[in-house]
């Protein structure tokens, strides 16, 4: 059986993180909280699957950046929260950090070491 691309698990953990954050804002009954807990359990399952094949630091950086940035955007779009320039700068810094971390994860460059 062909192994799934580990980045699929990263995408799933990011999606499920945003789902449970949304659930924190909207849950009002006991069964809602049960769904939120189920989503959290699935989220951490996908996170551990991603970490089995990819560097944990990279996976967690993506997870944290998508969660932080996604939560800010979700609050703004879905819950009518104010969005400040400072928040946008911080989200841009998070995304830049994730991109730079991913770019630095490759095989060591030939031609010597640092």
Foldseek 3Di string as FASTA:
>chain_A
DDDDDLVVLLVLLLVLLLVLVVLVVDDDDPVSVVVSVVSVVSSVVSLVSSVVVAPNVLSVLSSVLSNLLVVLVCCVPPVVDDDDPVSVVVSVVSVVVSVVVVVVRDDDDPDDDD
